[in-house]
Amino acid sequence: MSIHDYFRSVETMTPEQVRGLMDSRRPEEYNLLDVRQPGEYRRGHLPGARLIPLAELAGRLTEFGPAKPTIAY
């Protein structure tokens, strides 16, 4: 990852679009990442979401399938 990657546009989705993607695929067909802090995650998260705090994300990109769509919140 280079510094330029931090300025690249990313697709955003509405909650309805995310729900549609999740409803149309099996959970193993997409990555669902919760990038909040552990305390926030413990207070509640989407079923199947994997906790990877935003500050750790760049160093943990190899932990999930890059070929799958990734939803991060």
N, C-alpha and C. Protein backbone atom coordinates (compact mmCIF):
# COMPACT_ATOMS: atom_id res chain seq x y z
N MET A 1 0.85 -1.17 0.00
CA MET A 1 0.00 0.00 0.00
C MET A 1 0.89 1.23 0.00
N SER A 2 0.56 2.14 -0.89
CA SER A 2 1.35 3.38 -0.95
C SER A 2 0.52 4.53 -0.41
N ILE A 3 1.16 5.66 -0.26
CA ILE A 3 0.47 6.86 0.23
C ILE A 3 -0.67 7.24 -0.69
N HIS A 4 -0.55 6.95 -1.98
CA HIS A 4 -1.59 7.29 -2.94
C HIS A 4 -2.88 6.51 -2.70
N ASP A 5 -2.76 5.33 -2.11
CA ASP A 5 -3.95 4.53 -1.83
C ASP A 5 -4.88 5.22 -0.83
N TYR A 6 -4.33 6.06 0.02
CA TYR A 6 -5.15 6.75 1.01
C TYR A 6 -6.03 7.82 0.37
N PHE A 7 -5.73 8.23 -0.83
CA PHE A 7 -6.48 9.28 -1.51
C PHE A 7 -7.34 8.75 -2.66
N ARG A 8 -7.36 7.45 -2.83
CA ARG A 8 -8.15 6.83 -3.89
C ARG A 8 -9.62 6.82 -3.48
N SER A 9 -10.49 7.07 -4.43
CA SER A 9 -11.92 7.03 -4.16
C SER A 9 -12.36 5.61 -3.85
N VAL A 10 -13.32 5.48 -2.96
CA VAL A 10 -13.91 4.18 -2.67
C VAL A 10 -15.41 4.30 -2.87
N GLU A 11 -16.00 3.21 -3.26
CA GLU A 11 -17.45 3.20 -3.46
C GLU A 11 -18.15 3.27 -2.11
N THR A 12 -19.16 4.09 -2.03
CA THR A 12 -19.99 4.13 -0.82
C THR A 12 -21.35 3.56 -1.16
N MET A 13 -22.00 3.02 -0.15
CA MET A 13 -23.30 2.40 -0.33
C MET A 13 -24.24 2.90 0.76
N THR A 14 -25.50 2.97 0.42
CA THR A 14 -26.50 3.30 1.43
C THR A 14 -26.75 2.05 2.28
N PRO A 15 -27.34 2.22 3.46
CA PRO A 15 -27.68 1.03 4.25
C PRO A 15 -28.57 0.06 3.47
N GLU A 16 -29.46 0.57 2.66
CA GLU A 16 -30.34 -0.30 1.87
C GLU A 16 -29.55 -1.10 0.84
N GLN A 17 -28.55 -0.48 0.22
CA GLN A 17 -27.70 -1.19 -0.74
C GLN A 17 -26.88 -2.28 -0.05
N VAL A 18 -26.37 -1.98 1.14
CA VAL A 18 -25.61 -2.97 1.89
C VAL A 18 -26.50 -4.16 2.24
N ARG A 19 -27.69 -3.87 2.73
CA ARG A 19 -28.63 -4.95 3.07
C ARG A 19 -28.94 -5.78 1.83
N GLY A 20 -29.14 -5.14 0.69
CA GLY A 20 -29.40 -5.87 -0.54
C GLY A 20 -28.25 -6.78 -0.93
N LEU A 21 -27.02 -6.29 -0.81
CA LEU A 21 -25.85 -7.13 -1.11
C LEU A 21 -25.79 -8.31 -0.15
N MET A 22 -26.00 -8.03 1.14
CA MET A 22 -25.93 -9.11 2.14
C MET A 22 -27.04 -10.13 1.94
N ASP A 23 -28.22 -9.67 1.55
CA ASP A 23 -29.35 -10.58 1.33
C ASP A 23 -29.20 -11.40 0.06
N SER A 24 -28.45 -10.89 -0.91
CA SER A 24 -28.34 -11.58 -2.20
C SER A 24 -27.16 -12.55 -2.28
N ARG A 25 -26.34 -12.58 -1.24
CA ARG A 25 -25.16 -13.45 -1.23
C ARG A 25 -25.07 -14.23 0.06
N ARG A 26 -24.35 -15.32 0.00
CA ARG A 26 -24.07 -16.07 1.22
C ARG A 26 -22.97 -15.34 1.99
N PRO A 27 -22.95 -15.44 3.33
CA PRO A 27 -21.94 -14.71 4.12
C PRO A 27 -20.49 -14.98 3.71
N GLU A 28 -20.21 -16.16 3.21
CA GLU A 28 -18.83 -16.45 2.81
C GLU A 28 -18.46 -15.81 1.46
N GLU A 29 -19.41 -15.14 0.81
CA GLU A 29 -19.16 -14.51 -0.47
C GLU A 29 -18.79 -13.03 -0.38
N TYR A 30 -18.71 -12.50 0.83
CA TYR A 30 -18.29 -11.11 1.03
C TYR A 30 -17.58 -10.97 2.37
N ASN A 31 -16.80 -9.92 2.50
CA ASN A 31 -16.12 -9.60 3.76
C ASN A 31 -16.92 -8.50 4.44
N LEU A 32 -17.21 -8.69 5.72
CA LEU A 32 -17.92 -7.69 6.50
C LEU A 32 -17.00 -7.27 7.64
N LEU A 33 -16.50 -6.05 7.56
CA LEU A 33 -15.52 -5.56 8.53
C LEU A 33 -16.09 -4.43 9.37
N ASP A 34 -15.95 -4.58 10.67
CA ASP A 34 -16.29 -3.51 11.61
C ASP A 34 -14.97 -2.84 11.96
N VAL A 35 -14.80 -1.60 11.57
CA VAL A 35 -13.52 -0.91 11.76
C VAL A 35 -13.53 0.04 12.97
N ARG A 36 -14.53 -0.14 13.83
CA ARG A 36 -14.61 0.69 15.03
C ARG A 36 -13.68 0.13 16.11
N GLN A 37 -13.74 0.69 17.28
CA GLN A 37 -12.91 0.26 18.40
C GLN A 37 -13.55 -0.95 19.09
N PRO A 38 -12.74 -1.77 19.80
CA PRO A 38 -13.27 -2.97 20.45
C PRO A 38 -14.48 -2.72 21.36
N GLY A 39 -14.47 -1.65 22.12
CA GLY A 39 -15.59 -1.36 23.01
C GLY A 39 -16.88 -1.11 22.23
N GLU A 40 -16.76 -0.43 21.11
CA GLU A 40 -17.93 -0.18 20.26
C GLU A 40 -18.45 -1.49 19.67
N TYR A 41 -17.53 -2.35 19.27
CA TYR A 41 -17.89 -3.65 18.71
C TYR A 41 -18.62 -4.48 19.76
N ARG A 42 -18.12 -4.48 20.99
CA ARG A 42 -18.76 -5.26 22.06
C ARG A 42 -20.17 -4.76 22.36
N ARG A 43 -20.39 -3.47 22.21
CA ARG A 43 -21.73 -2.91 22.48
C ARG A 43 -22.74 -3.30 21.40
N GLY A 44 -22.26 -3.74 20.26
CA GLY A 44 -23.15 -4.17 19.19
C GLY A 44 -22.50 -4.09 17.83
N HIS A 45 -22.75 -5.09 17.02
CA HIS A 45 -22.21 -5.13 15.67
C HIS A 45 -23.12 -5.98 14.79
N LEU A 46 -22.94 -5.85 13.49
CA LEU A 46 -23.72 -6.65 12.56
C LEU A 46 -23.33 -8.13 12.68
N PRO A 47 -24.29 -9.04 12.60
CA PRO A 47 -23.96 -10.46 12.66
C PRO A 47 -22.94 -10.83 11.58
N GLY A 48 -21.92 -11.54 11.97
CA GLY A 48 -20.89 -11.98 11.05
C GLY A 48 -19.77 -10.98 10.80
N ALA A 49 -19.88 -9.79 11.40
CA ALA A 49 -18.84 -8.77 11.19
C ALA A 49 -17.56 -9.16 11.92
N ARG A 50 -16.47 -8.88 11.27
CA ARG A 50 -15.15 -9.15 11.84
C ARG A 50 -14.55 -7.83 12.30
N LEU A 51 -14.06 -7.79 13.53
CA LEU A 51 -13.47 -6.57 14.08
C LEU A 51 -12.03 -6.42 13.60
N ILE A 52 -11.78 -5.35 12.88
CA ILE A 52 -10.42 -4.93 12.53
C ILE A 52 -10.43 -3.41 12.68
N PRO A 53 -9.98 -2.90 13.83
CA PRO A 53 -10.00 -1.44 14.03
C PRO A 53 -9.30 -0.71 12.88
N LEU A 54 -9.83 0.43 12.53
CA LEU A 54 -9.33 1.20 11.39
C LEU A 54 -7.83 1.42 11.46
N ALA A 55 -7.30 1.70 12.65
CA ALA A 55 -5.86 1.95 12.79
C ALA A 55 -5.03 0.71 12.44
N GLU A 56 -5.63 -0.48 12.48
CA GLU A 56 -4.91 -1.73 12.19
C GLU A 56 -5.17 -2.24 10.77
N LEU A 57 -6.09 -1.64 10.08
CA LEU A 57 -6.55 -2.18 8.81
C LEU A 57 -5.44 -2.35 7.78
N ALA A 58 -4.63 -1.35 7.58
CA ALA A 58 -3.57 -1.44 6.56
C ALA A 58 -2.64 -2.62 6.79
N GLY A 59 -2.34 -2.93 8.04
CA GLY A 59 -1.44 -4.04 8.35
C GLY A 59 -2.11 -5.40 8.35
N ARG A 60 -3.43 -5.44 8.20
CA ARG A 60 -4.15 -6.71 8.29
C ARG A 60 -4.93 -7.05 7.02
N LEU A 61 -4.61 -6.38 5.93
CA LEU A 61 -5.34 -6.60 4.69
C LEU A 61 -5.24 -8.03 4.16
N THR A 62 -4.20 -8.74 4.52
CA THR A 62 -4.03 -10.11 4.03
C THR A 62 -4.91 -11.10 4.79
N GLU A 63 -5.62 -10.66 5.82
CA GLU A 63 -6.43 -11.56 6.63
C GLU A 63 -7.81 -11.87 6.03
N PHE A 64 -8.18 -11.18 4.99
CA PHE A 64 -9.48 -11.45 4.39
C PHE A 64 -9.34 -11.47 2.87
N GLY A 65 -10.27 -12.14 2.21
CA GLY A 65 -10.19 -12.37 0.77
C GLY A 65 -10.35 -11.11 -0.06
N PRO A 66 -9.28 -10.67 -0.74
CA PRO A 66 -9.36 -9.45 -1.54
C PRO A 66 -10.23 -9.60 -2.79
N ALA A 67 -10.52 -10.81 -3.21
CA ALA A 67 -11.34 -11.03 -4.40
C ALA A 67 -12.83 -10.87 -4.11
N LYS A 68 -13.19 -10.86 -2.85
CA LYS A 68 -14.60 -10.73 -2.45
C LYS A 68 -14.93 -9.25 -2.23
N PRO A 69 -16.19 -8.88 -2.43
CA PRO A 69 -16.60 -7.53 -2.06
C PRO A 69 -16.37 -7.34 -0.56
N THR A 70 -15.94 -6.16 -0.18
CA THR A 70 -15.70 -5.88 1.23
C THR A 70 -16.57 -4.71 1.67
N ILE A 71 -17.31 -4.94 2.74
CA ILE A 71 -18.14 -3.91 3.35
C ILE A 71 -17.48 -3.55 4.66
N ALA A 72 -17.11 -2.29 4.80
CA ALA A 72 -16.49 -1.83 6.05
C ALA A 72 -17.36 -0.73 6.64
N TYR A 73 -17.55 -0.83 7.94
CA TYR A 73 -18.33 0.20 8.63
C TYR A 73 -17.73 0.50 9.98
